[in-house]
Amino acid sequence: SQVLEGIIHLFVYTVDKDKGGDLVCHLMKALPIIHFMRGDCKPHQKISFDPTQNSWVWGDETLNTSVIQSAMTNRSGFIKEYIDELQMLFNLDPLIMPVLVYICPRDDLPLLCGYVPLSLIIGIVTNKLERTYNFDKRELDTYIIKPMAAVQRKLLQSSISESVTMFMKCLAQLSTSLLKHLNSSDKEKETVLVFALTTLAFSHHNNTTSGDIKKQCHSIVQDFLKQWIFKLSVIGGSIFGGSIDVYHGNLARQDAEIKIWEFILMRTVVG
């Protein structure tokens, strides 16, 4: 017990001193010792994470991981530089993976999609939404649009080996969180498109999803779009309750936008 307390004290002390995040990779390598000695997990144990429930996954306050996360926010390139070393720890310590997702620099999240379950990526996007009152355009692009687009590409490029039920649960929670934040700006319309297309991409993923899952995916998108569209006059064109701006040269752009949304809505309804 005293040995464990000493290790944790040293870990926390190092975290507090490492304001620039330079020692993070070394700190991550020490985490398995702490996890095993505390009984958080066993070596090579299989753990199914539920990003919608296990809030402790997103930051262990006893180890000051939130301080690491803050220090790493702008450290782009970290995943590319250290992923090979850290990936070797995934099988040894099952808790390393969610910790890495939590502390991952914001610009590196899309790259991380190739190494961790996609539900964890969706989970950390949702977590970010829940913890942030308002997003500027850059944050919206970095924390939501790019990671979700990366998830979408991953779904379209290769098979996934994670729980379909868990993935669906995470998507449903994300849709609820998104509706609290989104309004009518062009950047937020882009967010809605990415979410809708990602969900539809999953519903048709390699023809491996069942008919029930496809219906659930379509239902999530339908309900999401309906609530968003009726929340504000968010889409140009009278068919959505908005008004067409003919005085500022926007008619052609709005007409093209309407066609895109008609396609998405029709694709959602008829599958």
Protein backbone atom coordinates (compact mmCIF):
# COMPACT_ATOMS: atom_id res chain seq x y z
CA SER A 1 0.00 0.00 0.00
CA GLN A 2 2.81 2.41 0.86
CA VAL A 3 4.60 1.47 -2.36
CA LEU A 4 1.44 2.21 -4.34
CA GLU A 5 0.94 5.54 -2.56
CA GLY A 6 4.55 6.44 -3.35
CA ILE A 7 4.13 5.58 -7.05
CA ILE A 8 0.89 7.59 -7.29
CA HIS A 9 2.49 10.54 -5.50
CA LEU A 10 5.42 10.47 -7.92
CA PHE A 11 3.04 10.20 -10.89
CA VAL A 12 0.92 13.17 -9.74
CA TYR A 13 4.05 15.21 -8.95
CA THR A 14 5.42 14.56 -12.44
CA VAL A 15 2.09 15.46 -14.05
CA ASP A 16 2.02 18.78 -12.18
CA LYS A 17 5.59 19.62 -13.26
CA ASP A 18 5.14 18.51 -16.90
CA LYS A 19 3.12 21.53 -18.04
CA GLY A 20 4.15 21.10 -21.67
CA GLY A 21 3.27 17.43 -21.94
CA ASP A 22 6.84 16.37 -22.79
CA LEU A 23 6.82 13.35 -20.46
CA VAL A 24 3.36 12.05 -21.32
CA CYS A 25 4.52 8.96 -23.21
CA HIS A 26 6.68 7.92 -20.24
CA LEU A 27 3.83 8.60 -17.80
CA MET A 28 1.53 6.41 -19.91
CA LYS A 29 4.02 3.56 -19.63
CA ALA A 30 3.81 3.82 -15.83
CA LEU A 31 0.02 3.63 -15.75
CA PRO A 32 -0.23 -0.19 -16.00
CA ILE A 33 1.69 -0.54 -12.71
CA ILE A 34 -0.78 1.75 -10.97
CA HIS A 35 -3.84 0.11 -12.56
CA PHE A 36 -2.68 -3.39 -11.60
CA MET A 37 -1.62 -2.49 -8.05
CA ARG A 38 -4.90 -0.66 -7.38
CA GLY A 39 -6.90 -3.56 -8.79
CA ASP A 40 -8.48 -1.40 -11.52
CA CYS A 41 -7.84 -4.20 -13.98
CA LYS A 42 -5.69 -7.27 -14.55
CA PRO A 43 -2.99 -7.80 -17.21
CA HIS A 44 -4.52 -8.72 -20.59
CA GLN A 45 -8.04 -8.50 -19.15
CA LYS A 46 -10.84 -7.98 -21.68
CA ILE A 47 -12.97 -4.98 -20.73
CA SER A 48 -15.97 -3.65 -22.64
CA PHE A 49 -16.16 0.10 -22.24
CA ASP A 50 -19.47 1.91 -22.29
CA PRO A 51 -18.58 5.53 -23.13
CA THR A 52 -22.16 6.56 -22.27
CA GLN A 53 -21.92 5.24 -18.71
CA ASN A 54 -18.30 4.90 -17.55
CA SER A 55 -17.60 8.56 -16.91
CA TRP A 56 -14.45 7.56 -15.00
CA VAL A 57 -12.98 6.48 -18.35
CA TRP A 58 -12.73 10.14 -19.31
CA GLY A 59 -10.14 11.24 -16.80
CA ASP A 60 -8.89 9.77 -13.52
CA GLU A 61 -8.80 12.70 -11.10
CA THR A 62 -6.74 10.74 -8.57
CA LEU A 63 -3.94 10.75 -11.16
CA ASN A 64 -4.48 14.30 -12.46
CA THR A 65 -5.15 13.06 -16.01
CA SER A 66 -7.24 16.18 -16.60
CA VAL A 67 -4.01 18.18 -16.17
CA ILE A 68 -2.35 15.99 -18.82
CA GLN A 69 -5.35 16.51 -21.10
CA SER A 70 -5.09 20.30 -20.75
CA ALA A 71 -1.35 20.25 -21.43
CA MET A 72 -1.82 18.08 -24.52
CA THR A 73 -4.62 20.09 -26.15
CA ASN A 74 -2.36 21.76 -28.71
CA ARG A 75 0.36 19.10 -29.01
CA SER A 76 -0.46 17.93 -32.54
CA GLY A 77 1.75 15.14 -33.84
CA PHE A 78 1.85 13.23 -30.55
CA ILE A 79 -0.13 10.23 -31.83
CA LYS A 80 1.97 9.91 -34.97
CA GLU A 81 5.17 10.05 -32.94
CA TYR A 82 4.26 7.71 -30.08
CA ILE A 83 1.39 5.47 -31.21
CA ASP A 84 3.67 2.48 -31.93
CA GLU A 85 5.03 2.54 -28.37
CA LEU A 86 1.65 3.12 -26.76
CA GLN A 87 -0.15 0.57 -28.92
CA MET A 88 2.03 -2.15 -27.37
CA LEU A 89 0.40 -1.33 -24.03
CA PHE A 90 -3.18 -1.82 -25.29
CA ASN A 91 -3.19 -5.59 -24.82
CA LEU A 92 -1.28 -5.43 -21.54
CA ASP A 93 -3.46 -2.81 -19.84
CA PRO A 94 -7.04 -2.44 -21.14
CA LEU A 95 -7.40 0.96 -19.44
CA ILE A 96 -4.62 2.56 -21.48
CA MET A 97 -6.80 2.93 -24.57
CA PRO A 98 -9.53 5.19 -23.10
CA VAL A 99 -6.91 7.23 -21.24
CA LEU A 100 -5.12 7.84 -24.54
CA VAL A 101 -8.38 8.91 -26.19
CA TYR A 102 -9.03 11.30 -23.29
CA ILE A 103 -5.63 13.02 -23.37
CA CYS A 104 -5.25 12.92 -27.17
CA PRO A 105 -4.41 16.36 -28.68
CA ARG A 106 -7.45 17.72 -30.45
CA ASP A 107 -5.84 17.75 -33.90
CA ASP A 108 -4.78 14.10 -33.50
CA LEU A 109 -8.24 12.63 -32.82
CA PRO A 110 -8.91 11.74 -36.49
CA LEU A 111 -5.62 9.81 -36.67
CA LEU A 112 -6.51 7.91 -33.50
CA CYS A 113 -9.59 6.47 -35.26
CA GLY A 114 -7.36 3.90 -36.89
CA TYR A 115 -6.21 2.45 -33.57
CA VAL A 116 -9.12 2.43 -31.10
CA PRO A 117 -12.81 1.40 -31.16
CA LEU A 118 -14.89 3.99 -32.97
CA SER A 119 -17.37 4.08 -30.09
CA LEU A 120 -14.60 5.56 -27.91
CA ILE A 121 -14.07 8.34 -30.47
CA ILE A 122 -17.80 9.09 -30.52
CA GLY A 123 -17.78 8.92 -26.73
CA ILE A 124 -15.05 11.53 -26.34
CA VAL A 125 -16.79 13.80 -28.89
CA THR A 126 -19.97 13.55 -26.81
CA ASN A 127 -18.00 14.14 -23.62
CA LYS A 128 -16.52 17.29 -25.13
CA LEU A 129 -19.99 18.49 -26.09
CA GLU A 130 -21.31 17.91 -22.58
CA ARG A 131 -18.42 19.80 -20.97
CA THR A 132 -18.37 22.82 -23.28
CA TYR A 133 -21.00 25.56 -23.16
CA ASN A 134 -20.21 27.09 -26.53
CA PHE A 135 -17.95 26.24 -29.50
CA ASP A 136 -16.23 28.62 -31.89
CA LYS A 137 -15.86 27.54 -35.52
CA ARG A 138 -12.37 26.11 -35.05
CA GLU A 139 -13.36 24.06 -32.01
CA LEU A 140 -16.46 22.76 -33.78
CA ASP A 141 -14.31 21.70 -36.71
CA THR A 142 -11.56 20.15 -34.58
CA TYR A 143 -13.53 18.45 -31.82
CA ILE A 144 -16.60 17.29 -33.75
CA ILE A 145 -16.54 17.55 -37.54
CA LYS A 146 -13.06 16.13 -38.21
CA PRO A 147 -13.29 13.21 -35.74
CA MET A 148 -16.77 12.27 -37.00
CA ALA A 149 -15.63 12.52 -40.62
CA ALA A 150 -12.71 10.23 -39.73
CA VAL A 151 -15.15 7.74 -38.17
CA GLN A 152 -17.21 7.91 -41.35
CA ARG A 153 -14.14 7.20 -43.53
CA LYS A 154 -13.17 4.29 -41.29
CA LEU A 155 -16.66 2.80 -41.67
CA LEU A 156 -16.51 3.11 -45.44
CA GLN A 157 -12.96 1.75 -45.80
CA SER A 158 -12.82 -1.30 -43.55
CA SER A 159 -14.67 -3.60 -41.23
CA ILE A 160 -14.99 -2.90 -37.51
CA SER A 161 -14.75 -5.42 -34.72
CA GLU A 162 -16.68 -3.72 -31.96
CA SER A 163 -20.13 -4.06 -30.45
CA VAL A 164 -22.81 -2.86 -32.86
CA THR A 165 -25.14 -2.27 -29.93
CA MET A 166 -22.57 -0.10 -28.15
CA PHE A 167 -21.88 1.88 -31.33
CA MET A 168 -25.61 2.54 -31.71
CA LYS A 169 -25.92 3.58 -28.07
CA CYS A 170 -23.09 6.09 -28.50
CA LEU A 171 -24.63 7.52 -31.68
CA ALA A 172 -27.97 8.01 -29.92
CA GLN A 173 -26.30 9.84 -27.04
CA LEU A 174 -24.29 11.99 -29.46
CA SER A 175 -27.45 13.05 -31.31
CA THR A 176 -28.99 14.23 -28.02
CA SER A 177 -25.86 16.20 -27.12
CA LEU A 178 -25.58 17.77 -30.58
CA LEU A 179 -29.16 19.06 -30.46
CA LYS A 180 -28.32 21.09 -27.34
CA HIS A 181 -25.59 22.99 -29.19
CA LEU A 182 -26.49 23.32 -32.85
CA ASN A 183 -28.11 26.31 -34.51
CA SER A 184 -28.32 27.59 -38.07
CA SER A 185 -24.75 28.57 -38.96
CA ASP A 186 -23.13 27.02 -42.02
CA LYS A 187 -20.46 25.34 -39.89
CA GLU A 188 -23.13 23.73 -37.73
CA LYS A 189 -25.04 22.60 -40.81
CA GLU A 190 -21.82 20.85 -41.80
CA THR A 191 -21.80 19.16 -38.39
CA VAL A 192 -25.34 17.91 -38.91
CA LEU A 193 -24.43 16.54 -42.34
CA VAL A 194 -21.39 14.72 -40.98
CA PHE A 195 -23.41 13.16 -38.16
CA ALA A 196 -26.23 12.11 -40.49
CA LEU A 197 -23.88 10.65 -43.09
CA THR A 198 -21.79 8.85 -40.46
CA THR A 199 -24.89 7.21 -39.01
CA LEU A 200 -26.12 6.22 -42.46
CA ALA A 201 -22.65 4.92 -43.37
CA PHE A 202 -22.80 2.66 -40.32
CA SER A 203 -26.28 1.44 -41.27
CA HIS A 204 -24.92 0.21 -44.61
CA HIS A 205 -21.49 -0.82 -43.36
CA ASN A 206 -20.23 -3.75 -45.44
CA ASN A 207 -23.75 -5.20 -45.37
CA THR A 208 -22.93 -6.61 -41.93
CA THR A 209 -25.57 -4.76 -39.97
CA SER A 210 -28.97 -6.37 -39.51
CA GLY A 211 -32.25 -4.97 -40.74
CA ASP A 212 -33.15 -3.90 -37.19
CA ILE A 213 -29.89 -1.98 -36.82
CA LYS A 214 -30.44 -0.25 -40.16
CA LYS A 215 -33.92 0.80 -39.03
CA GLN A 216 -32.51 2.11 -35.76
CA CYS A 217 -29.85 4.11 -37.62
CA HIS A 218 -32.44 5.64 -39.91
CA SER A 219 -34.70 6.38 -36.94
CA ILE A 220 -31.86 8.20 -35.12
CA VAL A 221 -31.15 10.36 -38.17
CA GLN A 222 -34.85 11.04 -38.86
CA ASP A 223 -35.57 12.12 -35.28
CA PHE A 224 -32.36 14.15 -35.15
CA LEU A 225 -33.07 16.03 -38.40
CA LYS A 226 -36.71 16.66 -37.49
CA GLN A 227 -35.82 18.15 -34.11
CA TRP A 228 -33.01 20.24 -35.58
CA ILE A 229 -35.05 21.53 -38.53
CA PHE A 230 -38.00 22.54 -36.37
CA LYS A 231 -35.77 24.03 -33.69
CA LEU A 232 -34.91 26.95 -35.99
CA SER A 233 -35.43 27.86 -39.64
CA VAL A 234 -32.08 26.31 -40.29
CA ILE A 235 -32.34 25.41 -43.96
CA GLY A 236 -32.87 27.91 -46.77
CA GLY A 237 -35.99 27.41 -48.84
CA SER A 238 -39.68 27.49 -48.07
CA ILE A 239 -40.07 23.68 -48.11
CA PHE A 240 -38.27 23.70 -44.76
CA GLY A 241 -40.09 26.71 -43.37
CA GLY A 242 -37.30 29.16 -44.14
CA SER A 243 -37.17 32.02 -46.60
CA ILE A 244 -35.10 32.27 -49.75
CA ASP A 245 -32.75 35.24 -49.90
CA VAL A 246 -32.93 36.55 -53.48
CA TYR A 247 -31.28 39.90 -52.82
CA HIS A 248 -27.74 38.87 -51.96
CA GLY A 249 -26.83 36.44 -54.69
CA ASN A 250 -27.54 33.46 -52.44
CA LEU A 251 -30.36 31.89 -54.45
CA ALA A 252 -28.16 29.44 -56.38
CA ARG A 253 -26.31 28.40 -53.25
CA GLN A 254 -29.53 27.88 -51.31
CA ASP A 255 -31.05 25.93 -54.18
CA ALA A 256 -28.03 23.61 -54.19
CA GLU A 257 -28.30 23.29 -50.41
CA ILE A 258 -31.96 22.32 -50.64
CA LYS A 259 -31.10 19.57 -53.13
CA ILE A 260 -28.47 18.19 -50.74
CA TRP A 261 -30.91 18.12 -47.84
CA GLU A 262 -33.65 16.61 -49.99
CA PHE A 263 -31.21 13.81 -50.86
CA ILE A 264 -30.26 13.23 -47.21
CA LEU A 265 -33.86 13.22 -46.02
CA MET A 266 -34.97 10.92 -48.83
CA ARG A 267 -32.03 8.59 -48.22
CA THR A 268 -32.98 8.46 -44.57
CA VAL A 269 -36.64 7.76 -45.19
CA VAL A 270 -36.42 5.18 -47.96
CA GLY A 271 -33.00 3.69 -47.10
